[in-house]
Amino acid sequence: MINKGKKILALLLTIVFVVSALPVPLRAAENRLTDYSAVFDAEYYYNAYADLRQTLGNDPTALLEHFINVGMKEGRSGNASFHVKAYMLNNLDLLPVYGVKDLSSYYIHYITCGQKEGRSGVYKKGTEPQAGILSSYSTSYDVTEDRAVNVNLAASMINGMEIAPGEKFSFSNSIGSRTLANGYVVAPSFAGGRVVSSVGGGICQVSSTIYVAMLLAGITPTERYAHSLPVDYVPKGLDSAIVEGYKDLTFTNQFDFTIVINATVKDGVLTVSFVQKQDA
């Protein structure tokens, strides 16, 4: 019985090894067992991307292979009724789960459960992408509170900032030292799981709004920290705590073009947009 058990185990290990060693085309063929029709239409995909028309032609099988292995990771649209950036924007609870390094998970989520849950991958009116704008996100705050002074000041320090390709962005360095001399005021903030008062309280709403806009633009932070208590201005898992000299929000511009960060305030609404700088 022991020898028989060893033989069965050896056979199972051999099967696992053979499956894991399958070439990419065979593994991709297995992927086709998934019904991608909710997010993919070959004719739409062919017409939407000139580079695919030149390299793949109007071959439905080749187009599907490209979509599965490359297109989804890049965030390409496979049909007119699902846009991954719209799905991310409409369902912010998924951002902390799947991140932005590989967008394939959002397509799979929609196929397997998102569609059944009634989640949408279509842009809502007024949120459609505009030329040159990578992302945009807004949060609200009470203009009568002391912290509003700090929100407005921090946003003004960020507004219009340019980050060249390969350049690092630091939120803490960008908004200057949080002192009374620099215009910041005392307002509530978090420290060690407690609500305290500190100069610059409220700036984390700006960093958190930037953090969400970053993710929607496909930018992964190089440094980011969660608060010790829940915040009410962004969904759970999308906040960004700032402590001068200790906690920061940073990223490196991985694009081949300069990014402009616009941070504007109006009537208690803070809006952060990531924009591709246009060549003069």
Foldseek 3Di string as FASTA:
>chain_A
DVVVVVVVVVVVVVVVVVVVPDDPVVVLVVVVVQDLVVFADLVCQCVVDPVCCVPPNSDSVVSSSCCLPPVQQVQHGRDDFAGLLQLCVQCVVCCLVPFQNGRNVSSVCCSPPVVVVVGGRDHDPPQDDDPFWLFKFKWFDDCVFLLVQLCQQLLVLQAFDKAAAQGKDWSLVSSDDQDVVSPWDWDWDDDPLDIDIDTSHNNQLVVLRVQSQCRSSSFDWPFFDDTSDDDDTDDPPRTGDDDPPPGITMGGRNDNFMWTWHWDDDPRMTMIIIGGDDDD
